[in-house]
Structure formats: structure tokens, C-alpha cells
PDB file of N, CA and C in Angstrom:
ATOM      1  N   UNK A   1     -13.346   7.479  60.748  1.00  0.00           N
ATOM      2  CA  UNK A   1     -12.506   6.675  61.317  1.00  0.00           C
ATOM      3  C   UNK A   1     -14.010   5.893  62.046  1.00  0.00           C
ATOM      4  N   UNK A   2     -15.125   7.266  62.330  1.00  0.00           N
ATOM      5  CA  UNK A   2     -16.454   6.652  63.308  1.00  0.00           C
ATOM      6  C   UNK A   2     -17.197   5.562  62.326  1.00  0.00           C
ATOM      7  N   UNK A   3     -17.497   5.963  60.609  1.00  0.00           N
ATOM      8  CA  UNK A   3     -17.852   5.193  59.666  1.00  0.00           C
ATOM      9  C   UNK A   3     -17.645   3.444  60.236  1.00  0.00           C
ATOM     10  N   UNK A   4     -16.321   3.638  59.855  1.00  0.00           N
ATOM     11  CA  UNK A   4     -15.548   2.348  60.528  1.00  0.00           C
ATOM     12  C   UNK A   4     -16.067   1.377  61.901  1.00  0.00           C
ATOM     13  N   UNK A   5     -15.651   2.309  62.539  1.00  0.00           N
ATOM     14  CA  UNK A   5     -16.783   1.314  63.705  1.00  0.00           C
ATOM     15  C   UNK A   5     -18.290   1.130  63.905  1.00  0.00           C
ATOM     16  N   UNK A   6     -18.464   1.966  63.408  1.00  0.00           N
ATOM     17  CA  UNK A   6     -19.953   1.809  63.240  1.00  0.00           C
ATOM     18  C   UNK A   6     -20.242   0.275  62.354  1.00  0.00           C
ATOM     19  N   UNK A   7     -19.707   0.222  61.315  1.00  0.00           N
ATOM     20  CA  UNK A   7     -19.699  -0.521  60.312  1.00  0.00           C
ATOM     21  C   UNK A   7     -19.276  -2.072  61.135  1.00  0.00           C
ATOM     22  N   UNK A   8     -18.067  -2.274  61.707  1.00  0.00           N
ATOM     23  CA  UNK A   8     -17.253  -3.039  62.844  1.00  0.00           C
ATOM     24  C   UNK A   8     -18.436  -3.180  63.752  1.00  0.00           C
ATOM     25  N   UNK A   9     -19.325  -2.642  64.401  1.00  0.00           N
ATOM     26  CA  UNK A   9     -20.186  -2.896  65.330  1.00  0.00           C
ATOM     27  C   UNK A   9     -21.415  -3.517  64.767  1.00  0.00           C
ATOM     28  N   UNK A  10     -21.646  -3.099  63.540  1.00  0.00           N
ATOM     29  CA  UNK A  10     -22.716  -3.364  62.942  1.00  0.00           C
ATOM     30  C   UNK A  10     -22.376  -4.899  62.561  1.00  0.00           C
ATOM     31  N   UNK A  11     -21.870  -5.218  62.038  1.00  0.00           N
ATOM     32  CA  UNK A  11     -21.299  -6.548  61.262  1.00  0.00           C
ATOM     33  C   UNK A  11     -21.085  -7.733  62.449  1.00  0.00           C
ATOM     34  N   UNK A  12     -20.768  -7.071  63.249  1.00  0.00           N
ATOM     35  CA  UNK A  12     -20.590  -7.588  65.031  1.00  0.00           C
ATOM     36  C   UNK A  12     -22.186  -8.251  65.597  1.00  0.00           C
ATOM     37  N   UNK A  13     -22.678  -7.546  65.131  1.00  0.00           N
ATOM     38  CA  UNK A  13     -24.394  -7.591  66.013  1.00  0.00           C
ATOM     39  C   UNK A  13     -24.477  -8.422  65.026  1.00  0.00           C
ATOM     40  N   UNK A  14     -24.373  -8.748  63.523  1.00  0.00           N
ATOM     41  CA  UNK A  14     -25.144  -9.344  62.650  1.00  0.00           C
ATOM     42  C   UNK A  14     -24.607 -10.688  62.793  1.00  0.00           C
ATOM     43  N   UNK A  15     -23.580 -10.772  62.976  1.00  0.00           N
ATOM     44  CA  UNK A  15     -22.388 -12.178  63.109  1.00  0.00           C
ATOM     45  C   UNK A  15     -23.182 -12.565  64.841  1.00  0.00           C
ATOM     46  N   UNK A  16     -23.426 -11.842  65.740  1.00  0.00           N
ATOM     47  CA  UNK A  16     -24.041 -12.607  67.013  1.00  0.00           C
ATOM     48  C   UNK A  16     -25.210 -13.235  66.671  1.00  0.00           C
ATOM     49  N   UNK A  17     -26.151 -12.024  66.197  1.00  0.00           N
ATOM     50  CA  UNK A  17     -27.671 -12.533  65.797  1.00  0.00           C
ATOM     51  C   UNK A  17     -27.635 -14.229  64.752  1.00  0.00           C
ATOM     52  N   UNK A  18     -26.607 -13.974  64.110  1.00  0.00           N
ATOM     53  CA  UNK A  18     -26.761 -15.132  63.342  1.00  0.00           C
ATOM     54  C   UNK A  18     -26.321 -16.516  63.872  1.00  0.00           C
ATOM     55  N   UNK A  19     -24.987 -16.177  64.684  1.00  0.00           N
ATOM     56  CA  UNK A  19     -24.653 -17.429  65.786  1.00  0.00           C
ATOM     57  C   UNK A  19     -25.466 -17.727  66.297  1.00  0.00           C
ATOM     58  N   UNK A  20     -26.483 -16.598  67.052  1.00  0.00           N
ATOM     59  CA  UNK A  20     -27.783 -17.223  67.756  1.00  0.00           C
ATOM     60  C   UNK A  20     -28.648 -18.070  67.531  1.00  0.00           C
ATOM     61  N   UNK A  21     -29.073 -17.767  66.372  1.00  0.00           N
ATOM     62  CA  UNK A  21     -30.127 -17.925  65.232  1.00  0.00           C
ATOM     63  C   UNK A  21     -29.881 -19.234  65.000  1.00  0.00           C
ATOM     64  N   UNK A  22     -28.033 -19.928  64.832  1.00  0.00           N
ATOM     65  CA  UNK A  22     -28.190 -21.402  64.474  1.00  0.00           C
ATOM     66  C   UNK A  22     -27.686 -21.958  65.736  1.00  0.00           C
ATOM     67  N   UNK A  23     -27.319 -22.101  66.632  1.00  0.00           N
ATOM     68  CA  UNK A  23     -27.700 -22.170  67.756  1.00  0.00           C
ATOM     69  C   UNK A  23     -29.057 -22.736  67.906  1.00  0.00           C
ATOM     70  N   UNK A  24     -30.342 -21.651  67.810  1.00  0.00           N
ATOM     71  CA  UNK A  24     -31.469 -21.901  68.480  1.00  0.00           C
ATOM     72  C   UNK A  24     -32.018 -23.079  67.183  1.00  0.00           C
ATOM     73  N   UNK A  25     -31.595 -23.270  66.005  1.00  0.00           N
ATOM     74  CA  UNK A  25     -32.024 -24.108  65.014  1.00  0.00           C
ATOM     75  C   UNK A  25     -31.502 -25.201  65.101  1.00  0.00           C
ATOM     76  N   UNK A  26     -30.031 -25.403  65.343  1.00  0.00           N
ATOM     77  CA  UNK A  26     -29.380 -26.619  65.565  1.00  0.00           C
ATOM     78  C   UNK A  26     -29.764 -27.424  67.175  1.00  0.00           C
ATOM     79  N   UNK A  27     -30.404 -26.398  68.254  1.00  0.00           N
ATOM     80  CA  UNK A  27     -31.059 -27.385  69.719  1.00  0.00           C
ATOM     81  C   UNK A  27     -32.484 -27.467  69.051  1.00  0.00           C
ATOM     82  N   UNK A  28     -33.187 -26.926  68.270  1.00  0.00           N
ATOM     83  CA  UNK A  28     -34.486 -27.086  67.353  1.00  0.00           C
ATOM     84  C   UNK A  28     -34.671 -28.746  66.929  1.00  0.00           C
ATOM     85  N   UNK A  29     -34.089 -28.692  65.981  1.00  0.00           N
ATOM     86  CA  UNK A  29     -33.357 -29.906  65.516  1.00  0.00           C
ATOM     87  C   UNK A  29     -32.682 -30.945  65.873  1.00  0.00           C
ATOM     88  N   UNK A  30     -32.075 -30.648  67.113  1.00  0.00           N
ATOM     89  CA  UNK A  30     -31.593 -32.311  68.143  1.00  0.00           C
ATOM     90  C   UNK A  30     -32.969 -32.530  68.520  1.00  0.00           C
ATOM     91  N   UNK A  31     -33.850 -31.632  69.097  1.00  0.00           N
ATOM     92  CA  UNK A  31     -34.814 -31.950  69.831  1.00  0.00           C
ATOM     93  C   UNK A  31     -35.687 -32.978  68.922  1.00  0.00           C
ATOM     94  N   UNK A  32     -35.991 -32.305  67.755  1.00  0.00           N
ATOM     95  CA  UNK A  32     -36.735 -33.485  67.043  1.00  0.00           C
ATOM     96  C   UNK A  32     -36.213 -34.431  66.042  1.00  0.00           C
ATOM     97  N   UNK A  33     -34.835 -34.417  66.203  1.00  0.00           N
ATOM     98  CA  UNK A  33     -34.354 -35.258  65.457  1.00  0.00           C
ATOM     99  C   UNK A  33     -34.664 -37.080  65.426  1.00  0.00           C
ATOM    100  N   UNK A  34     -34.729 -37.414  66.805  1.00  0.00           N
ATOM    101  CA  UNK A  34     -35.297 -38.344  67.257  1.00  0.00           C
ATOM    102  C   UNK A  34     -36.947 -38.913  66.826  1.00  0.00           C
ATOM    103  N   UNK A  35     -37.632 -38.117  66.691  1.00  0.00           N
ATOM    104  CA  UNK A  35     -39.073 -38.114  66.481  1.00  0.00           C
ATOM    105  C   UNK A  35     -38.536 -38.358  64.977  1.00  0.00           C
ATOM    106  N   UNK A  36     -38.434 -37.716  64.289  1.00  0.00           N
ATOM    107  CA  UNK A  36     -38.031 -37.394  62.420  1.00  0.00           C
ATOM    108  C   UNK A  36     -37.827 -39.189  62.918  1.00  0.00           C
ATOM    109  N   UNK A  37     -36.228 -39.899  63.318  1.00  0.00           N
ATOM    110  CA  UNK A  37     -35.873 -40.598  62.885  1.00  0.00           C
ATOM    111  C   UNK A  37     -36.953 -41.951  63.520  1.00  0.00           C
ATOM    112  N   UNK A  38     -38.225 -41.970  64.342  1.00  0.00           N
ATOM    113  CA  UNK A  38     -38.824 -43.081  64.773  1.00  0.00           C
ATOM    114  C   UNK A  38     -39.995 -42.876  63.310  1.00  0.00           C
ATOM    115  N   UNK A  39     -40.057 -41.451  62.927  1.00  0.00           N
ATOM    116  CA  UNK A  39     -41.410 -41.452  61.818  1.00  0.00           C
ATOM    117  C   UNK A  39     -41.077 -42.133  60.198  1.00  0.00           C
ATOM    118  N   UNK A  40     -39.699 -41.900  60.368  1.00  0.00           N
ATOM    119  CA  UNK A  40     -39.241 -42.556  59.099  1.00  0.00           C
ATOM    120  C   UNK A  40     -39.426 -44.176  59.317  1.00  0.00           C
ATOM    121  N   UNK A  41     -38.990 -44.607  60.193  1.00  0.00           N
ATOM    122  CA  UNK A  41     -38.539 -45.947  60.669  1.00  0.00           C
ATOM    123  C   UNK A  41     -40.212 -46.880  60.317  1.00  0.00           C
ATOM    124  N   UNK A  42     -40.976 -46.111  61.199  1.00  0.00           N
ATOM    125  CA  UNK A  42     -42.316 -46.577  61.047  1.00  0.00           C
ATOM    126  C   UNK A  42     -42.735 -46.718  59.656  1.00  0.00           C
ATOM    127  N   UNK A  43     -42.887 -45.734  58.786  1.00  0.00           N
ATOM    128  CA  UNK A  43     -43.560 -45.172  57.632  1.00  0.00           C
ATOM    129  C   UNK A  43     -42.625 -46.331  56.479  1.00  0.00           C
ATOM    130  N   UNK A  44     -41.264 -46.110  57.035  1.00  0.00           N
ATOM    131  CA  UNK A  44     -40.609 -47.255  56.147  1.00  0.00           C
ATOM    132  C   UNK A  44     -41.156 -48.971  56.202  1.00  0.00           C
ATOM    133  N   UNK A  45     -41.487 -49.041  57.821  1.00  0.00           N
ATOM    134  CA  UNK A  45     -41.958 -50.538  57.885  1.00  0.00           C
ATOM    135  C   UNK A  45     -43.236 -50.798  57.021  1.00  0.00           C
ATOM    136  N   UNK A  46     -44.564 -49.622  57.436  1.00  0.00           N
ATOM    137  CA  UNK A  46     -45.868 -49.943  57.030  1.00  0.00           C
ATOM    138  C   UNK A  46     -45.604 -49.686  55.368  1.00  0.00           C
ATOM    139  N   UNK A  47     -44.503 -49.149  54.628  1.00  0.00           N
ATOM    140  CA  UNK A  47     -45.249 -48.810  53.320  1.00  0.00           C
ATOM    141  C   UNK A  47     -44.218 -49.545  52.371  1.00  0.00           C
ATOM    142  N   UNK A  48     -42.871 -50.590  53.276  1.00  0.00           N
ATOM    143  CA  UNK A  48     -41.992 -51.412  52.496  1.00  0.00           C
ATOM    144  C   UNK A  48     -42.838 -52.614  51.616  1.00  0.00           C
ATOM    145  N   UNK A  49     -43.697 -53.175  52.695  1.00  0.00           N
ATOM    146  CA  UNK A  49     -44.875 -54.547  51.642  1.00  0.00           C
ATOM    147  C   UNK A  49     -45.267 -53.850  50.449  1.00  0.00           C
ATOM    148  N   UNK A  50     -45.903 -52.369  50.475  1.00  0.00           N
ATOM    149  CA  UNK A  50     -46.726 -52.479  49.226  1.00  0.00           C
ATOM    150  C   UNK A  50     -45.710 -51.600  48.439  1.00  0.00           C
ATOM    151  N   UNK A  51     -45.282 -50.938  48.875  1.00  0.00           N
ATOM    152  CA  UNK A  51     -44.027 -50.465  48.000  1.00  0.00           C
ATOM    153  C   UNK A  51     -43.229 -51.207  46.925  1.00  0.00           C
ATOM    154  N   UNK A  52     -42.888 -52.815  47.577  1.00  0.00           N
ATOM    155  CA  UNK A  52     -42.494 -53.604  46.864  1.00  0.00           C
ATOM    156  C   UNK A  52     -43.435 -54.490  45.532  1.00  0.00           C
ATOM    157  N   UNK A  53     -44.827 -54.621  46.598  1.00  0.00           N
ATOM    158  CA  UNK A  53     -45.792 -55.278  45.782  1.00  0.00           C
ATOM    159  C   UNK A  53     -45.957 -54.455  44.487  1.00  0.00           C
ATOM    160  N   UNK A  54     -46.438 -53.150  44.483  1.00  0.00           N
ATOM    161  CA  UNK A  54     -46.690 -52.164  43.198  1.00  0.00           C
ATOM    162  C   UNK A  54     -45.721 -52.231  42.725  1.00  0.00           C
ATOM    163  N   UNK A  55     -43.867 -52.224  43.104  1.00  0.00           N
ATOM    164  CA  UNK A  55     -43.193 -52.476  41.955  1.00  0.00           C
ATOM    165  C   UNK A  55     -43.486 -53.800  41.691  1.00  0.00           C
ATOM    166  N   UNK A  56     -43.386 -54.513  41.749  1.00  0.00           N
ATOM    167  CA  UNK A  56     -43.725 -55.910  41.253  1.00  0.00           C
ATOM    168  C   UNK A  56     -44.809 -55.579  39.961  1.00  0.00           C
ATOM    169  N   UNK A  57     -45.862 -55.296  40.611  1.00  0.00           N
ATOM    170  CA  UNK A  57     -46.932 -55.370  39.590  1.00  0.00           C
ATOM    171  C   UNK A  57     -46.864 -53.916  37.989  1.00  0.00           C
ATOM    172  N   UNK A  58     -45.954 -53.435  38.664  1.00  0.00           N
ATOM    173  CA  UNK A  58     -45.899 -52.180  37.453  1.00  0.00           C
ATOM    174  C   UNK A  58     -44.693 -52.807  36.681  1.00  0.00           C
ATOM    175  N   UNK A  59     -43.781 -53.894  37.298  1.00  0.00           N
ATOM    176  CA  UNK A  59     -42.900 -54.470  36.214  1.00  0.00           C
ATOM    177  C   UNK A  59     -43.407 -55.400  35.269  1.00  0.00           C
ATOM    178  N   UNK A  60     -44.453 -56.334  35.841  1.00  0.00           N
ATOM    179  CA  UNK A  60     -45.125 -57.502  35.042  1.00  0.00           C
ATOM    180  C   UNK A  60     -46.062 -56.331  33.965  1.00  0.00           C
ATOM    181  N   UNK A  61     -46.875 -55.581  34.100  1.00  0.00           N
ATOM    182  CA  UNK A  61     -47.321 -54.810  33.552  1.00  0.00           C
ATOM    183  C   UNK A  61     -46.491 -54.212  32.129  1.00  0.00           C
ATOM    184  N   UNK A  62     -45.787 -53.391  32.711  1.00  0.00           N
ATOM    185  CA  UNK A  62     -44.678 -53.153  31.839  1.00  0.00           C
ATOM    186  C   UNK A  62     -44.613 -53.938  30.579  1.00  0.00           C
ATOM    187  N   UNK A  63     -43.720 -55.344  31.104  1.00  0.00           N
ATOM    188  CA  UNK A  63     -43.493 -56.500  30.641  1.00  0.00           C
ATOM    189  C   UNK A  63     -44.759 -57.034  29.604  1.00  0.00           C
ATOM    190  N   UNK A  64     -46.181 -56.963  29.816  1.00  0.00           N
ATOM    191  CA  UNK A  64     -46.695 -57.095  29.007  1.00  0.00           C
ATOM    192  C   UNK A  64     -47.198 -56.262  28.490  1.00  0.00           C
ATOM    193  N   UNK A  65     -47.081 -55.184  28.634  1.00  0.00           N
ATOM    194  CA  UNK A  65     -47.401 -54.214  27.050  1.00  0.00           C
ATOM    195  C   UNK A  65     -46.237 -54.073  26.389  1.00  0.00           C
ATOM    196  N   UNK A  66     -44.570 -54.741  27.122  1.00  0.00           N
ATOM    197  CA  UNK A  66     -43.752 -54.656  25.768  1.00  0.00           C
ATOM    198  C   UNK A  66     -43.975 -55.926  25.080  1.00  0.00           C
ATOM    199  N   UNK A  67     -44.762 -56.711  25.530  1.00  0.00           N
ATOM    200  CA  UNK A  67     -44.910 -57.968  24.919  1.00  0.00           C
ATOM    201  C   UNK A  67     -45.888 -57.955  23.872  1.00  0.00           C
ATOM    202  N   UNK A  68     -47.870 -56.909  24.053  1.00  0.00           N
ATOM    203  CA  UNK A  68     -48.381 -56.698  23.655  1.00  0.00           C
ATOM    204  C   UNK A  68     -47.911 -55.613  21.983  1.00  0.00           C
ATOM    205  N   UNK A  69     -46.591 -55.059  22.579  1.00  0.00           N
ATOM    206  CA  UNK A  69     -46.014 -54.160  21.479  1.00  0.00           C
ATOM    207  C   UNK A  69     -45.347 -54.832  20.248  1.00  0.00           C
ATOM    208  N   UNK A  70     -44.665 -55.329  20.564  1.00  0.00           N
ATOM    209  CA  UNK A  70     -43.966 -56.518  19.994  1.00  0.00           C
ATOM    210  C   UNK A  70     -44.804 -57.470  19.015  1.00  0.00           C
ATOM    211  N   UNK A  71     -45.402 -58.024  19.547  1.00  0.00           N
ATOM    212  CA  UNK A  71     -46.302 -58.359  18.658  1.00  0.00           C
ATOM    213  C   UNK A  71     -47.334 -57.566  17.588  1.00  0.00           C
ATOM    214  N   UNK A  72     -48.167 -56.488  18.540  1.00  0.00           N
ATOM    215  CA  UNK A  72     -48.436 -55.960  17.568  1.00  0.00           C
ATOM    216  C   UNK A  72     -48.029 -55.270  16.145  1.00  0.00           C
ATOM    217  N   UNK A  73     -46.173 -55.240  16.331  1.00  0.00           N
ATOM    218  CA  UNK A  73     -45.757 -54.442  15.457  1.00  0.00           C
ATOM    219  C   UNK A  73     -45.042 -55.832  14.474  1.00  0.00           C
ATOM    220  N   UNK A  74     -45.126 -56.836  14.853  1.00  0.00           N
ATOM    221  CA  UNK A  74     -44.642 -58.235  14.314  1.00  0.00           C
ATOM    222  C   UNK A  74     -45.657 -58.857  13.204  1.00  0.00           C
ATOM    223  N   UNK A  75     -46.639 -58.919  13.660  1.00  0.00           N
ATOM    224  CA  UNK A  75     -47.792 -58.593  13.056  1.00  0.00           C
ATOM    225  C   UNK A  75     -48.246 -59.088  11.707  1.00  0.00           C
ATOM    226  N   UNK A  76     -48.506 -57.342  11.749  1.00  0.00           N
ATOM    227  CA  UNK A  76     -48.531 -56.804  10.940  1.00  0.00           C
ATOM    228  C   UNK A  76     -47.498 -56.683   9.450  1.00  0.00           C
ATOM    229  N   UNK A  77     -46.389 -56.666   9.967  1.00  0.00           N
ATOM    230  CA  UNK A  77     -44.687 -56.057   9.275  1.00  0.00           C
ATOM    231  C   UNK A  77     -44.963 -57.757   8.604  1.00  0.00           C
ATOM    232  N   UNK A  78     -45.164 -58.656   9.149  1.00  0.00           N
ATOM    233  CA  UNK A  78     -44.996 -60.287   8.426  1.00  0.00           C
ATOM    234  C   UNK A  78     -45.966 -60.388   7.493  1.00  0.00           C
ATOM    235  N   UNK A  79     -47.353 -59.659   7.855  1.00  0.00           N
ATOM    236  CA  UNK A  79     -48.434 -59.934   6.615  1.00  0.00           C
ATOM    237  C   UNK A  79     -48.539 -58.876   5.659  1.00  0.00           C
ATOM    238  N   UNK A  80     -46.991 -58.037   5.752  1.00  0.00           N
ATOM    239  CA  UNK A  80     -46.770 -57.197   4.636  1.00  0.00           C
ATOM    240  C   UNK A  80     -45.753 -57.407   3.727  1.00  0.00           C
ATOM    241  N   UNK A  81     -45.055 -58.611   4.588  1.00  0.00           N
ATOM    242  CA  UNK A  81     -43.949 -58.929   3.786  1.00  0.00           C
ATOM    243  C   UNK A  81     -43.762 -60.295   3.145  1.00  0.00           C
ATOM    244  N   UNK A  82     -45.157 -60.653   3.777  1.00  0.00           N
ATOM    245  CA  UNK A  82     -45.572 -62.189   3.442  1.00  0.00           C
ATOM    246  C   UNK A  82     -45.317 -62.668   2.275  1.00  0.00           C
TER     247      UNK A  82
END
């Protein structure tokens, strides 16, 4: 019976400690959430145009490479079977 009481007290202390830790982390996150949101908004506003331009450049490059690949594969094939 003594072991069961000790185990129960240890478990209760562990749960209390976990609850305190969770409360502390939750409060800390609540304090920093507006800062994180503001940083995300600024980052998105600053990088949105650059990201879009980069995406368009990559799509254009991909289309160019695909056209080169098709042309370089078609030309020798036509010469061989001509």
C-alpha cells in the first residue's frame, strides 16, 4: 500500500509539473504570436513579387529547355529515317 501511495504522489507531481510547463509555454506563445504574425505578413509582402517573378522565369526556362529537348530529339530522328 505504501508503494501505491508513493507512485500516486509521484504521478500527481509529474502531472502538475507538466501542466505548469504547458501553461508557461502557452503563455509564452501567446505573447509572441502577434510578433510572428507581423513578421509573416511583412515577409510575404516583401517576397511575394520576387517569388512570382522567379516562378515566371523558371517556367519560361523550363519551356525553353523542353523545346530544345524536343528539337534535338526530333532532328536526328528525322535525319536517320529520312
